Structure formats: structure tokens, C-alpha cells
């Protein structure tokens, strides 16, 4: 279904003056994103195995995750925040096309909703850089590594909570079809709920064990 403004988003009354239709197909958009993500993870995995940092396989996997999520946060949030005319540019970039596609699952991006803008500011200002810092902290075995990871995970989980709650309070009708609801709104965002939860639990256990060991030592 296409609205009077020529856009495919929901609700149909959403106004997007000067909207330029998406030119790349879903496959042409998702394939480069998934390929680049896998390339980043593979590069971090290989480098972490040869840099002599004595990281375990779990720690190397964590570095892959933090590198992926950090770069994703910074690049995508930056492209969204600093390109307000994403949906009306005559010569759209790949990132413009990516957000046109993702907005089929959440048209608040197309509308530049203030809640989304606020969340993306926090993303590019804190979560992105902190995620990359976590890669460094793990690789160099910094004592603050688990505390840092725990803090970033809480930030990601809180951000996801606000993301879903604000969507519910605003009407819960921002997807073009059930497919985009499950694939993008739920599926694409679920990684930043499931993985941070697992990492937060792991970090909490390690922090608690360290405090317990120190308590026994000083007791």
C-alpha cells in the first residue's frame, strides 16, 4: 500500500514532502550490511587470535560483538542524525536506502520522531564509543572490562525498553505489514536485548566473584 505522498509507510497519513522512492531492493540493501557485519566480526576474531593478548574464545566472541555493535551504532546513528533529508534526497546514498527499508518496520525514523532522535543521540554519544572501548578493555585485559561491559549492556537494555515503550504509547502502528513488524521492529532489535542480557549476567557474576574473593582475602 502506498500513501498519498507516495511512501509505503504506516500510518498512511504520515506526511513526507518530497519523498524519493527506494531504489535498491531489499536484498541489495541487506546483503552489504550483513556482509560488512560478518567481515568486521571475522577481522576481529582473526586479529584477536594473533595479537598475543591471550584472550579466551569467549572473550574473542565478546570483542566481535562489541566491535560490530559499536560500529553499527556510530555509523548508522551518525548517518541518521546528520542527514535530515534522508527521505527526499534525489541522489540517495546506501545509508539513505537502508533507512528507507528499515522504516517499513518503524516509520518513526521516516518521521524523525523526537523519541527516536533522542535515543540516537545517546547511541552515537555513549553506546557506540563505549562499545569500541569495551573491545580495547577486553583485548588489553583491563580490570574495568567487566564493569564497562555491564554498564554498556544496561544502557543498551534501557534504550531498547524506551524504544518499545514509546512505540506502544504512541499507538503501536508504525510498520507497513506484519512481516516488517516481526523482521525489523522485533527481529532486528532483539539482538540488542538478548545479547546484552547474556553479557550483563556474565559480567555481574564475574564482578560478584571478584568482590567475594577480595572479601575472603581481606577477611
N, C-alpha and C. Protein backbone atom coordinates (compact mmCIF):
# COMPACT_ATOMS: atom_id res chain seq x y z
N UNK A 1 0.85 -1.20 0.00
CA UNK A 1 0.00 0.00 0.00
C UNK A 1 0.88 1.24 0.00
N UNK A 2 0.52 2.22 -0.87
CA UNK A 2 1.29 3.45 -0.98
C UNK A 2 0.40 4.61 -0.60
N UNK A 3 0.91 5.55 0.21
CA UNK A 3 0.13 6.68 0.69
C UNK A 3 0.00 7.74 -0.40
N UNK A 4 -0.74 8.81 -0.06
CA UNK A 4 -0.89 9.92 -1.00
C UNK A 4 0.42 10.62 -1.28
N UNK A 5 1.38 10.55 -0.36
CA UNK A 5 2.69 11.17 -0.57
C UNK A 5 3.63 10.24 -1.33
N UNK A 6 3.15 9.06 -1.70
CA UNK A 6 3.97 8.14 -2.46
C UNK A 6 4.88 7.27 -1.64
N UNK A 7 4.71 7.26 -0.31
CA UNK A 7 5.56 6.43 0.53
C UNK A 7 4.83 5.17 0.97
N UNK A 8 5.57 4.11 1.32
CA UNK A 8 4.95 2.83 1.68
C UNK A 8 4.76 2.63 3.18
N UNK A 9 4.91 3.69 3.97
CA UNK A 9 4.96 3.54 5.41
C UNK A 9 3.60 3.66 6.08
N UNK A 10 3.56 3.21 7.32
CA UNK A 10 2.36 3.29 8.13
C UNK A 10 2.63 4.20 9.33
N UNK A 11 1.66 5.04 9.70
CA UNK A 11 0.32 5.19 9.14
C UNK A 11 0.32 5.90 7.79
N UNK A 12 -0.72 5.67 7.00
CA UNK A 12 -0.78 6.22 5.64
C UNK A 12 -0.81 7.73 5.63
N UNK A 13 -1.31 8.33 6.73
CA UNK A 13 -1.40 9.80 6.78
C UNK A 13 -0.07 10.48 7.12
N UNK A 14 0.95 9.69 7.34
CA UNK A 14 2.28 10.26 7.60
C UNK A 14 2.71 11.13 6.42
N UNK A 15 3.08 12.37 6.70
CA UNK A 15 3.47 13.29 5.63
C UNK A 15 4.98 13.31 5.44
N UNK A 16 5.41 13.02 4.23
CA UNK A 16 6.83 13.06 3.87
C UNK A 16 6.99 13.85 2.58
N UNK A 17 6.95 15.18 2.68
CA UNK A 17 7.04 16.02 1.48
C UNK A 17 8.33 15.74 0.70
N UNK A 18 8.20 15.60 -0.61
CA UNK A 18 9.37 15.39 -1.45
C UNK A 18 9.96 14.00 -1.36
N UNK A 19 9.19 13.05 -0.86
CA UNK A 19 9.71 11.68 -0.68
C UNK A 19 10.21 11.10 -2.00
N UNK A 20 11.41 10.56 -1.98
CA UNK A 20 12.00 9.89 -3.13
C UNK A 20 11.93 8.39 -2.89
N UNK A 21 11.24 7.64 -3.74
CA UNK A 21 11.07 6.20 -3.53
C UNK A 21 12.39 5.45 -3.45
N UNK A 22 12.35 4.36 -2.71
CA UNK A 22 13.52 3.49 -2.55
C UNK A 22 13.94 2.92 -3.90
N UNK A 23 15.23 2.95 -4.18
CA UNK A 23 15.74 2.50 -5.48
C UNK A 23 16.40 1.12 -5.40
N UNK A 24 16.92 0.76 -4.24
CA UNK A 24 17.55 -0.54 -4.08
C UNK A 24 16.53 -1.55 -3.55
N UNK A 25 16.68 -2.79 -3.93
CA UNK A 25 15.80 -3.84 -3.43
C UNK A 25 16.19 -4.21 -2.01
N UNK A 26 15.34 -4.98 -1.36
CA UNK A 26 15.63 -5.43 0.00
C UNK A 26 16.94 -6.21 0.03
N UNK A 27 17.14 -7.09 -0.93
CA UNK A 27 18.37 -7.88 -0.98
C UNK A 27 19.60 -7.03 -1.20
N UNK A 28 19.49 -6.02 -2.05
CA UNK A 28 20.62 -5.14 -2.33
C UNK A 28 20.99 -4.28 -1.13
N UNK A 29 20.05 -4.11 -0.22
CA UNK A 29 20.32 -3.34 0.99
C UNK A 29 20.86 -4.22 2.11
N UNK A 30 20.20 -5.36 2.32
CA UNK A 30 20.57 -6.21 3.45
C UNK A 30 21.86 -6.99 3.22
N UNK A 31 22.11 -7.42 1.99
CA UNK A 31 23.31 -8.21 1.72
C UNK A 31 24.61 -7.47 2.07
N UNK A 32 24.79 -6.21 1.65
CA UNK A 32 26.01 -5.48 2.03
C UNK A 32 26.13 -5.28 3.54
N UNK A 33 24.99 -5.01 4.20
CA UNK A 33 25.02 -4.81 5.65
C UNK A 33 25.45 -6.09 6.37
N UNK A 34 24.84 -7.20 6.00
CA UNK A 34 25.19 -8.47 6.63
C UNK A 34 26.62 -8.87 6.29
N UNK A 35 27.01 -8.64 5.04
CA UNK A 35 28.38 -8.97 4.63
C UNK A 35 29.42 -8.15 5.38
N UNK A 36 29.18 -6.86 5.51
CA UNK A 36 30.11 -6.00 6.24
C UNK A 36 30.17 -6.38 7.71
N UNK A 37 29.03 -6.74 8.29
CA UNK A 37 28.99 -7.15 9.70
C UNK A 37 29.82 -8.40 9.93
N UNK A 38 29.64 -9.39 9.04
CA UNK A 38 30.41 -10.63 9.15
C UNK A 38 31.90 -10.37 8.94
N UNK A 39 32.23 -9.45 8.04
CA UNK A 39 33.63 -9.12 7.78
C UNK A 39 34.28 -8.50 9.01
N UNK A 40 33.55 -7.60 9.67
CA UNK A 40 34.07 -6.97 10.90
C UNK A 40 34.31 -8.03 11.97
N UNK A 41 33.32 -8.91 12.17
CA UNK A 41 33.43 -9.95 13.18
C UNK A 41 34.60 -10.89 12.86
N UNK A 42 34.75 -11.26 11.60
CA UNK A 42 35.83 -12.15 11.19
C UNK A 42 37.18 -11.49 11.41
N UNK A 43 37.29 -10.22 11.05
CA UNK A 43 38.56 -9.50 11.22
C UNK A 43 38.97 -9.44 12.69
N UNK A 44 38.00 -9.11 13.56
CA UNK A 44 38.29 -9.03 14.99
C UNK A 44 38.66 -10.40 15.53
N UNK A 45 37.97 -11.43 15.09
CA UNK A 45 38.26 -12.79 15.55
C UNK A 45 39.69 -13.20 15.18
N UNK A 46 40.06 -12.93 13.95
CA UNK A 46 41.39 -13.32 13.47
C UNK A 46 42.48 -12.52 14.17
N UNK A 47 42.28 -11.22 14.27
CA UNK A 47 43.29 -10.36 14.90
C UNK A 47 43.44 -10.69 16.38
N UNK A 48 42.32 -10.93 17.05
CA UNK A 48 42.37 -11.23 18.49
C UNK A 48 43.06 -12.57 18.76
N UNK A 49 43.09 -13.42 17.76
CA UNK A 49 43.75 -14.71 17.93
C UNK A 49 45.24 -14.67 17.66
N UNK A 50 45.71 -13.55 17.08
CA UNK A 50 47.12 -13.46 16.73
C UNK A 50 47.87 -12.31 17.39
N UNK A 51 47.16 -11.55 18.18
CA UNK A 51 47.81 -10.37 18.76
C UNK A 51 48.53 -10.67 20.07
N UNK A 52 48.45 -11.90 20.51
CA UNK A 52 49.15 -12.28 21.73
C UNK A 52 48.52 -11.76 23.01
N UNK A 53 47.21 -11.46 22.94
CA UNK A 53 46.55 -10.91 24.13
C UNK A 53 46.01 -12.00 25.04
N UNK A 54 46.20 -13.26 24.68
CA UNK A 54 45.82 -14.41 25.49
C UNK A 54 44.32 -14.41 25.85
N UNK A 55 43.52 -13.97 24.93
CA UNK A 55 42.08 -13.94 25.16
C UNK A 55 41.47 -15.32 24.93
N UNK A 56 40.50 -15.65 25.74
CA UNK A 56 39.78 -16.91 25.56
C UNK A 56 38.83 -16.78 24.37
N UNK A 57 38.25 -17.90 23.95
CA UNK A 57 37.31 -17.86 22.84
C UNK A 57 36.09 -17.02 23.18
N UNK A 58 35.65 -17.10 24.44
CA UNK A 58 34.51 -16.28 24.87
C UNK A 58 34.85 -14.79 24.77
N UNK A 59 36.03 -14.42 25.22
CA UNK A 59 36.45 -13.03 25.15
C UNK A 59 36.59 -12.55 23.71
N UNK A 60 37.07 -13.43 22.85
CA UNK A 60 37.18 -13.06 21.43
C UNK A 60 35.81 -12.87 20.80
N UNK A 61 34.86 -13.72 21.18
CA UNK A 61 33.49 -13.55 20.69
C UNK A 61 32.90 -12.24 21.20
N UNK A 62 33.20 -11.91 22.44
CA UNK A 62 32.72 -10.64 23.00
C UNK A 62 33.30 -9.46 22.25
N UNK A 63 34.58 -9.54 21.89
CA UNK A 63 35.19 -8.46 21.12
C UNK A 63 34.53 -8.32 19.76
N UNK A 64 34.18 -9.45 19.14
CA UNK A 64 33.48 -9.41 17.85
C UNK A 64 32.14 -8.69 18.00
N UNK A 65 31.42 -9.04 19.06
CA UNK A 65 30.12 -8.41 19.29
C UNK A 65 30.26 -6.92 19.54
N UNK A 66 31.19 -6.55 20.40
CA UNK A 66 31.33 -5.13 20.74
C UNK A 66 31.82 -4.31 19.55
N UNK A 67 32.67 -4.89 18.72
CA UNK A 67 33.13 -4.18 17.52
C UNK A 67 31.96 -3.98 16.55
N UNK A 68 31.18 -5.04 16.35
CA UNK A 68 30.02 -4.95 15.47
C UNK A 68 29.01 -3.93 15.97
N UNK A 69 28.64 -4.04 17.24
CA UNK A 69 27.61 -3.14 17.76
C UNK A 69 28.12 -1.70 17.85
N UNK A 70 29.40 -1.52 18.17
CA UNK A 70 29.94 -0.18 18.25
C UNK A 70 29.95 0.51 16.90
N UNK A 71 30.45 -0.16 15.88
CA UNK A 71 30.49 0.42 14.54
C UNK A 71 29.08 0.63 13.98
N UNK A 72 28.19 -0.33 14.26
CA UNK A 72 26.81 -0.19 13.80
C UNK A 72 26.16 1.03 14.43
N UNK A 73 26.33 1.19 15.73
CA UNK A 73 25.75 2.34 16.44
C UNK A 73 26.28 3.65 15.87
N UNK A 74 27.59 3.75 15.73
CA UNK A 74 28.20 5.01 15.31
C UNK A 74 27.85 5.35 13.86
N UNK A 75 28.01 4.39 12.96
CA UNK A 75 27.79 4.66 11.54
C UNK A 75 26.31 4.92 11.23
N UNK A 76 25.43 4.06 11.74
CA UNK A 76 24.02 4.22 11.42
C UNK A 76 23.40 5.42 12.14
N UNK A 77 23.72 5.58 13.41
CA UNK A 77 23.17 6.73 14.14
C UNK A 77 23.71 8.03 13.55
N UNK A 78 24.98 8.03 13.17
CA UNK A 78 25.56 9.23 12.57
C UNK A 78 24.90 9.56 11.25
N UNK A 79 24.70 8.55 10.40
CA UNK A 79 24.05 8.77 9.11
C UNK A 79 22.64 9.31 9.29
N UNK A 80 21.93 8.81 10.29
CA UNK A 80 20.56 9.25 10.53
C UNK A 80 20.51 10.67 11.10
N UNK A 81 21.33 10.93 12.09
CA UNK A 81 21.27 12.23 12.77
C UNK A 81 21.76 13.37 11.90
N UNK A 82 22.80 13.13 11.12
CA UNK A 82 23.41 14.22 10.37
C UNK A 82 22.93 14.31 8.92
N UNK A 83 21.90 13.54 8.59
CA UNK A 83 21.32 13.63 7.24
C UNK A 83 19.81 13.75 7.38
N UNK A 84 19.32 14.93 7.73
CA UNK A 84 17.88 15.09 7.96
C UNK A 84 17.02 14.92 6.71
N UNK A 85 17.63 15.00 5.52
CA UNK A 85 16.85 14.88 4.29
C UNK A 85 16.99 13.49 3.66
N UNK A 86 17.20 12.48 4.49
CA UNK A 86 17.38 11.10 4.01
C UNK A 86 16.30 10.68 3.02
N UNK A 87 15.05 11.04 3.29
CA UNK A 87 13.94 10.51 2.51
C UNK A 87 13.57 11.38 1.31
N UNK A 88 14.29 12.48 1.12
CA UNK A 88 13.96 13.36 -0.01
C UNK A 88 15.16 13.67 -0.89
N UNK A 89 16.27 13.01 -0.67
CA UNK A 89 17.45 13.28 -1.48
C UNK A 89 17.29 12.67 -2.87
N UNK A 90 17.61 13.46 -3.89
CA UNK A 90 17.48 12.99 -5.27
C UNK A 90 18.53 11.93 -5.62
N UNK A 91 19.68 12.01 -4.97
CA UNK A 91 20.74 11.02 -5.19
C UNK A 91 21.06 10.34 -3.86
N UNK A 92 20.22 9.43 -3.44
CA UNK A 92 20.36 8.80 -2.13
C UNK A 92 21.60 7.93 -2.02
N UNK A 93 22.19 7.93 -0.83
CA UNK A 93 23.33 7.07 -0.53
C UNK A 93 22.82 5.71 -0.08
N UNK A 94 23.75 4.79 0.15
CA UNK A 94 23.36 3.48 0.65
C UNK A 94 22.65 3.61 1.99
N UNK A 95 23.14 4.50 2.86
CA UNK A 95 22.52 4.66 4.18
C UNK A 95 21.10 5.22 4.06
N UNK A 96 20.88 6.11 3.09
CA UNK A 96 19.53 6.61 2.86
C UNK A 96 18.60 5.45 2.52
N UNK A 97 19.05 4.58 1.63
CA UNK A 97 18.25 3.44 1.23
C UNK A 97 18.02 2.47 2.39
N UNK A 98 19.03 2.32 3.23
CA UNK A 98 18.92 1.44 4.39
C UNK A 98 17.82 1.92 5.33
N UNK A 99 17.77 3.22 5.58
CA UNK A 99 16.76 3.75 6.49
C UNK A 99 15.37 3.75 5.84
N UNK A 100 15.31 3.89 4.53
CA UNK A 100 14.01 3.77 3.86
C UNK A 100 13.46 2.36 4.05
N UNK A 101 14.35 1.38 3.94
CA UNK A 101 13.93 -0.01 4.13
C UNK A 101 13.56 -0.28 5.58
N UNK A 102 14.41 0.14 6.52
CA UNK A 102 14.15 -0.13 7.93
C UNK A 102 12.88 0.57 8.42
N UNK A 103 12.58 1.74 7.84
CA UNK A 103 11.39 2.48 8.26
C UNK A 103 10.10 1.76 7.93
N UNK A 104 10.16 0.74 7.10
CA UNK A 104 8.97 -0.08 6.86
C UNK A 104 8.60 -0.86 8.11
N UNK A 105 9.56 -1.01 9.00
CA UNK A 105 9.30 -1.67 10.28
C UNK A 105 9.07 -0.68 11.40
N UNK A 106 9.47 0.58 11.20
CA UNK A 106 9.26 1.61 12.21
C UNK A 106 9.32 2.97 11.51
N UNK A 107 8.17 3.50 11.16
CA UNK A 107 8.11 4.75 10.39
C UNK A 107 8.47 5.97 11.23
N UNK A 108 8.73 5.78 12.51
CA UNK A 108 9.18 6.92 13.31
C UNK A 108 10.52 7.44 12.83
N UNK A 109 11.32 6.57 12.18
CA UNK A 109 12.56 7.03 11.58
C UNK A 109 12.27 7.96 10.40
N UNK A 110 11.30 7.60 9.60
CA UNK A 110 10.93 8.45 8.46
C UNK A 110 10.39 9.79 8.94
N UNK A 111 9.62 9.76 10.04
CA UNK A 111 9.02 10.97 10.58
C UNK A 111 10.00 11.77 11.44
N UNK A 112 11.18 11.21 11.69
CA UNK A 112 12.18 11.84 12.58
C UNK A 112 11.53 12.19 13.92
N UNK A 113 10.89 11.19 14.48
CA UNK A 113 10.24 11.32 15.78
C UNK A 113 11.25 11.75 16.85
N UNK A 114 10.83 12.63 17.75
CA UNK A 114 11.75 13.16 18.75
C UNK A 114 12.28 12.08 19.68
N UNK A 115 11.46 11.07 19.98
CA UNK A 115 11.92 9.98 20.84
C UNK A 115 13.05 9.21 20.16
N UNK A 116 12.92 8.97 18.85
CA UNK A 116 13.95 8.28 18.09
C UNK A 116 15.21 9.12 18.02
N UNK A 117 15.06 10.41 17.78
CA UNK A 117 16.22 11.30 17.70
C UNK A 117 16.99 11.30 19.02
N UNK A 118 16.25 11.35 20.14
CA UNK A 118 16.90 11.36 21.46
C UNK A 118 17.66 10.05 21.69
N UNK A 119 17.05 8.93 21.33
CA UNK A 119 17.72 7.64 21.51
C UNK A 119 18.97 7.53 20.65
N UNK A 120 18.92 8.07 19.43
CA UNK A 120 20.08 8.01 18.55
C UNK A 120 21.20 8.94 19.02
N UNK A 121 20.86 10.03 19.65
CA UNK A 121 21.88 10.91 20.22
C UNK A 121 22.65 10.18 21.31
N UNK A 122 21.92 9.48 22.17
CA UNK A 122 22.56 8.69 23.22
C UNK A 122 23.39 7.57 22.61
N UNK A 123 22.89 6.99 21.53
CA UNK A 123 23.59 5.89 20.86
C UNK A 123 24.94 6.33 20.33
N UNK A 124 24.95 7.44 19.60
CA UNK A 124 26.21 7.89 19.00
C UNK A 124 27.12 8.56 20.02
N UNK A 125 26.53 9.09 21.09
CA UNK A 125 27.34 9.77 22.10
C UNK A 125 27.90 8.88 23.18
N UNK A 126 27.19 7.77 23.46
CA UNK A 126 27.64 6.90 24.56
C UNK A 126 27.80 5.44 24.14
N UNK A 127 26.73 4.83 23.66
CA UNK A 127 26.76 3.39 23.43
C UNK A 127 27.75 2.97 22.36
N UNK A 128 27.84 3.74 21.28
CA UNK A 128 28.79 3.39 20.23
C UNK A 128 30.24 3.46 20.68
N UNK A 129 30.69 4.63 21.17
CA UNK A 129 32.08 4.73 21.64
C UNK A 129 32.39 3.78 22.78
N UNK A 130 31.46 3.61 23.72
CA UNK A 130 31.69 2.72 24.86
C UNK A 130 31.84 1.27 24.41
N UNK A 131 31.11 0.89 23.35
CA UNK A 131 31.23 -0.47 22.82
C UNK A 131 32.62 -0.71 22.26
N UNK A 132 33.15 0.26 21.53
CA UNK A 132 34.50 0.12 20.98
C UNK A 132 35.54 0.14 22.10
N UNK A 133 35.26 0.92 23.14
CA UNK A 133 36.16 0.93 24.29
C UNK A 133 36.18 -0.43 24.97
N UNK A 134 35.05 -1.12 24.95
CA UNK A 134 34.97 -2.46 25.53
C UNK A 134 35.88 -3.44 24.79
N UNK A 135 35.98 -3.28 23.47
CA UNK A 135 36.88 -4.13 22.69
C UNK A 135 38.31 -3.95 23.18
N UNK A 136 38.71 -2.71 23.36
CA UNK A 136 40.06 -2.40 23.84
C UNK A 136 40.27 -2.93 25.26
N UNK A 137 39.27 -2.75 26.12
CA UNK A 137 39.40 -3.19 27.51
C UNK A 137 39.56 -4.70 27.61
N UNK A 138 38.82 -5.43 26.78
CA UNK A 138 38.94 -6.89 26.79
C UNK A 138 40.29 -7.32 26.24
N UNK A 139 40.69 -6.73 25.13
CA UNK A 139 41.95 -7.11 24.47
C UNK A 139 43.16 -6.85 25.36
N UNK A 140 43.11 -5.77 26.14
CA UNK A 140 44.25 -5.40 26.99
C UNK A 140 44.08 -5.88 28.42
N UNK A 141 42.99 -6.64 28.66
CA UNK A 141 42.72 -7.23 29.97
C UNK A 141 42.68 -6.18 31.08
N UNK A 142 41.99 -5.09 30.82
CA UNK A 142 41.83 -4.05 31.81
C UNK A 142 40.93 -4.54 32.95
N UNK A 143 41.23 -4.11 34.14
CA UNK A 143 40.45 -4.54 35.29
C UNK A 143 39.01 -4.01 35.25
N UNK A 144 38.80 -2.95 34.48
CA UNK A 144 37.46 -2.35 34.40
C UNK A 144 36.60 -2.99 33.31
N UNK A 145 37.13 -4.00 32.63
CA UNK A 145 36.44 -4.57 31.47
C UNK A 145 35.02 -5.03 31.79
N UNK A 146 34.85 -5.80 32.84
CA UNK A 146 33.52 -6.33 33.14
C UNK A 146 32.57 -5.24 33.61
N UNK A 147 33.09 -4.29 34.37
CA UNK A 147 32.24 -3.17 34.82
C UNK A 147 31.79 -2.35 33.61
N UNK A 148 32.71 -2.10 32.68
CA UNK A 148 32.37 -1.34 31.48
C UNK A 148 31.32 -2.08 30.66
N UNK A 149 31.54 -3.38 30.45
CA UNK A 149 30.57 -4.15 29.66
C UNK A 149 29.20 -4.18 30.32
N UNK A 150 29.18 -4.31 31.64
CA UNK A 150 27.93 -4.33 32.37
C UNK A 150 27.19 -2.99 32.20
N UNK A 151 27.92 -1.90 32.29
CA UNK A 151 27.32 -0.57 32.15
C UNK A 151 26.76 -0.35 30.75
N UNK A 152 27.52 -0.75 29.75
CA UNK A 152 27.05 -0.57 28.37
C UNK A 152 25.82 -1.44 28.10
N UNK A 153 25.83 -2.66 28.63
CA UNK A 153 24.68 -3.55 28.46
C UNK A 153 23.43 -2.94 29.09
N UNK A 154 23.57 -2.36 30.27
CA UNK A 154 22.42 -1.72 30.90
C UNK A 154 21.92 -0.56 30.04
N UNK A 155 22.87 0.19 29.46
CA UNK A 155 22.48 1.29 28.58
C UNK A 155 21.72 0.79 27.36
N UNK A 156 22.19 -0.31 26.78
CA UNK A 156 21.51 -0.86 25.61
C UNK A 156 20.13 -1.40 25.97
N UNK A 157 20.03 -2.08 27.09
CA UNK A 157 18.74 -2.63 27.51
C UNK A 157 17.75 -1.52 27.85
N UNK A 158 18.24 -0.46 28.50
CA UNK A 158 17.36 0.66 28.83
C UNK A 158 16.90 1.37 27.55
N UNK A 159 17.83 1.50 26.59
CA UNK A 159 17.47 2.11 25.32
C UNK A 159 16.41 1.30 24.59
N UNK A 160 16.55 -0.03 24.59
CA UNK A 160 15.55 -0.88 23.95
C UNK A 160 14.21 -0.78 24.66
N UNK A 161 14.23 -0.70 25.99
CA UNK A 161 12.99 -0.57 26.74
C UNK A 161 12.26 0.72 26.35
N UNK A 162 13.00 1.82 26.29
CA UNK A 162 12.39 3.08 25.89
C UNK A 162 11.88 3.02 24.45
N UNK A 163 12.64 2.36 23.60
CA UNK A 163 12.27 2.23 22.19
C UNK A 163 10.91 1.54 22.04
N UNK A 164 10.74 0.42 22.73
CA UNK A 164 9.50 -0.33 22.62
C UNK A 164 8.35 0.35 23.36
N UNK A 165 8.64 0.91 24.53
CA UNK A 165 7.58 1.55 25.32
C UNK A 165 7.05 2.79 24.60
N UNK A 166 7.94 3.62 24.05
CA UNK A 166 7.48 4.82 23.34
C UNK A 166 6.67 4.44 22.11
N UNK A 167 7.02 3.35 21.45
CA UNK A 167 6.24 2.89 20.29
C UNK A 167 4.83 2.49 20.73
N UNK A 168 4.75 1.80 21.86
CA UNK A 168 3.44 1.38 22.38
C UNK A 168 2.59 2.59 22.77
N UNK A 169 3.20 3.54 23.47
CA UNK A 169 2.46 4.72 23.93
C UNK A 169 2.02 5.61 22.77
N UNK A 170 2.78 5.58 21.68
CA UNK A 170 2.46 6.43 20.52
C UNK A 170 1.47 5.79 19.56
N UNK A 171 1.02 4.57 19.85
CA UNK A 171 -0.01 3.98 19.02
C UNK A 171 0.31 2.60 18.46
N UNK A 172 1.58 2.22 18.48
CA UNK A 172 1.96 0.87 18.07
C UNK A 172 1.45 0.54 16.66
N UNK A 173 1.65 1.45 15.71
CA UNK A 173 1.15 1.24 14.34
C UNK A 173 2.15 1.80 13.33
N UNK A 174 3.42 1.44 13.50
CA UNK A 174 4.47 2.06 12.69
C UNK A 174 5.08 1.12 11.64
N UNK A 175 4.48 -0.04 11.40
CA UNK A 175 5.05 -0.99 10.45
C UNK A 175 4.10 -1.18 9.27
N UNK A 176 4.72 -1.40 8.11
CA UNK A 176 3.95 -1.49 6.87
C UNK A 176 3.16 -2.79 6.77
N UNK A 177 3.61 -3.85 7.45
CA UNK A 177 2.93 -5.14 7.42
C UNK A 177 3.44 -5.99 8.56
N UNK A 178 2.76 -7.10 8.88
CA UNK A 178 3.26 -8.00 9.94
C UNK A 178 4.67 -8.51 9.67
N UNK A 179 5.01 -8.71 8.40
CA UNK A 179 6.36 -9.17 8.08
C UNK A 179 7.40 -8.18 8.60
N UNK A 180 7.21 -6.89 8.35
CA UNK A 180 8.18 -5.88 8.78
C UNK A 180 8.16 -5.71 10.29
N UNK A 181 7.01 -5.95 10.90
CA UNK A 181 6.94 -5.89 12.36
C UNK A 181 7.85 -6.95 12.97
N UNK A 182 7.71 -8.19 12.49
CA UNK A 182 8.50 -9.28 13.07
C UNK A 182 9.95 -9.26 12.61
N UNK A 183 10.18 -8.92 11.36
CA UNK A 183 11.54 -8.96 10.82
C UNK A 183 12.40 -7.80 11.29
N UNK A 184 11.82 -6.59 11.30
CA UNK A 184 12.61 -5.39 11.63
C UNK A 184 12.35 -4.89 13.05
N UNK A 185 11.10 -4.58 13.35
CA UNK A 185 10.80 -3.98 14.65
C UNK A 185 11.16 -4.92 15.80
N UNK A 186 10.80 -6.19 15.65
CA UNK A 186 11.12 -7.17 16.70
C UNK A 186 12.45 -7.86 16.43
N UNK A 187 12.58 -8.47 15.25
CA UNK A 187 13.77 -9.27 14.96
C UNK A 187 15.07 -8.50 14.97
N UNK A 188 15.12 -7.39 14.24
CA UNK A 188 16.37 -6.63 14.13
C UNK A 188 16.79 -6.03 15.46
N UNK A 189 15.81 -5.74 16.32
CA UNK A 189 16.14 -5.13 17.60
C UNK A 189 16.37 -6.15 18.72
N UNK A 190 15.94 -7.39 18.50
CA UNK A 190 16.04 -8.39 19.56
C UNK A 190 17.49 -8.72 19.92
N UNK A 191 18.41 -8.55 18.96
CA UNK A 191 19.82 -8.82 19.25
C UNK A 191 20.33 -7.95 20.39
N UNK A 192 19.82 -6.70 20.45
CA UNK A 192 20.27 -5.76 21.49
C UNK A 192 19.47 -5.91 22.78
N UNK A 193 18.68 -6.97 22.85
CA UNK A 193 18.02 -7.37 24.10
C UNK A 193 18.64 -8.67 24.59
N UNK A 194 18.73 -9.65 23.71
CA UNK A 194 19.21 -10.98 24.10
C UNK A 194 20.70 -10.96 24.44
N UNK A 195 21.52 -10.46 23.52
CA UNK A 195 22.97 -10.50 23.74
C UNK A 195 23.40 -9.65 24.93
N UNK A 196 22.96 -8.39 25.06
CA UNK A 196 23.34 -7.61 26.25
C UNK A 196 22.88 -8.25 27.55
N UNK A 197 21.73 -8.93 27.53
CA UNK A 197 21.27 -9.61 28.75
C UNK A 197 22.25 -10.70 29.15
N UNK A 198 22.68 -11.50 28.19
CA UNK A 198 23.63 -12.58 28.46
C UNK A 198 24.97 -12.03 28.95
N UNK A 199 25.44 -10.96 28.30
CA UNK A 199 26.72 -10.37 28.70
C UNK A 199 26.62 -9.74 30.08
N UNK A 200 25.50 -9.08 30.34
CA UNK A 200 25.31 -8.44 31.65
C UNK A 200 25.33 -9.48 32.77
N UNK A 201 24.67 -10.61 32.55
CA UNK A 201 24.66 -11.69 33.55
C UNK A 201 26.08 -12.21 33.77
N UNK A 202 26.81 -12.43 32.69
CA UNK A 202 28.19 -12.91 32.78
C UNK A 202 29.06 -11.91 33.54
N UNK A 203 28.94 -10.64 33.20
CA UNK A 203 29.75 -9.61 33.84
C UNK A 203 29.40 -9.48 35.32
N UNK A 204 28.11 -9.55 35.62
CA UNK A 204 27.67 -9.45 37.02
C UNK A 204 28.25 -10.58 37.86
N UNK A 205 28.25 -11.79 37.29
CA UNK A 205 28.82 -12.93 38.01
C UNK A 205 30.31 -12.75 38.25
N UNK A 206 31.03 -12.25 37.25
CA UNK A 206 32.46 -12.06 37.39
C UNK A 206 32.78 -10.95 38.38
N UNK A 207 32.00 -9.89 38.36
CA UNK A 207 32.20 -8.79 39.31
C UNK A 207 31.92 -9.26 40.73
N UNK A 208 30.83 -10.01 40.90
CA UNK A 208 30.47 -10.52 42.22
C UNK A 208 31.53 -11.47 42.74
N UNK A 209 32.06 -12.34 41.84
CA UNK A 209 33.11 -13.27 42.25
C UNK A 209 34.38 -12.55 42.68
N UNK A 210 34.69 -11.46 41.97
CA UNK A 210 35.89 -10.69 42.31
C UNK A 210 35.74 -10.02 43.67
N UNK A 211 34.55 -9.49 43.96
CA UNK A 211 34.31 -8.86 45.26
C UNK A 211 34.34 -9.92 46.37
N UNK A 212 33.78 -11.07 46.08
CA UNK A 212 33.77 -12.15 47.08
C UNK A 212 35.18 -12.61 47.38
N UNK A 213 36.01 -12.74 46.33
CA UNK A 213 37.40 -13.16 46.53
C UNK A 213 38.16 -12.11 47.34
N UNK A 214 37.90 -10.85 47.06
CA UNK A 214 38.57 -9.77 47.82
C UNK A 214 38.10 -9.76 49.26
N UNK A 215 36.83 -10.06 49.48
CA UNK A 215 36.30 -10.10 50.84
C UNK A 215 36.93 -11.22 51.64
N UNK A 216 37.08 -12.39 51.02
CA UNK A 216 37.72 -13.52 51.67
C UNK A 216 39.18 -13.21 51.97
N UNK A 217 39.82 -12.55 51.01
CA UNK A 217 41.25 -12.23 51.15
C UNK A 217 41.49 -11.28 52.29
N UNK A 218 40.63 -10.26 52.41
CA UNK A 218 40.82 -9.24 53.45
C UNK A 218 40.21 -9.66 54.78
N UNK A 219 39.36 -10.69 54.72
CA UNK A 219 38.69 -11.13 55.94
C UNK A 219 39.54 -12.05 56.74
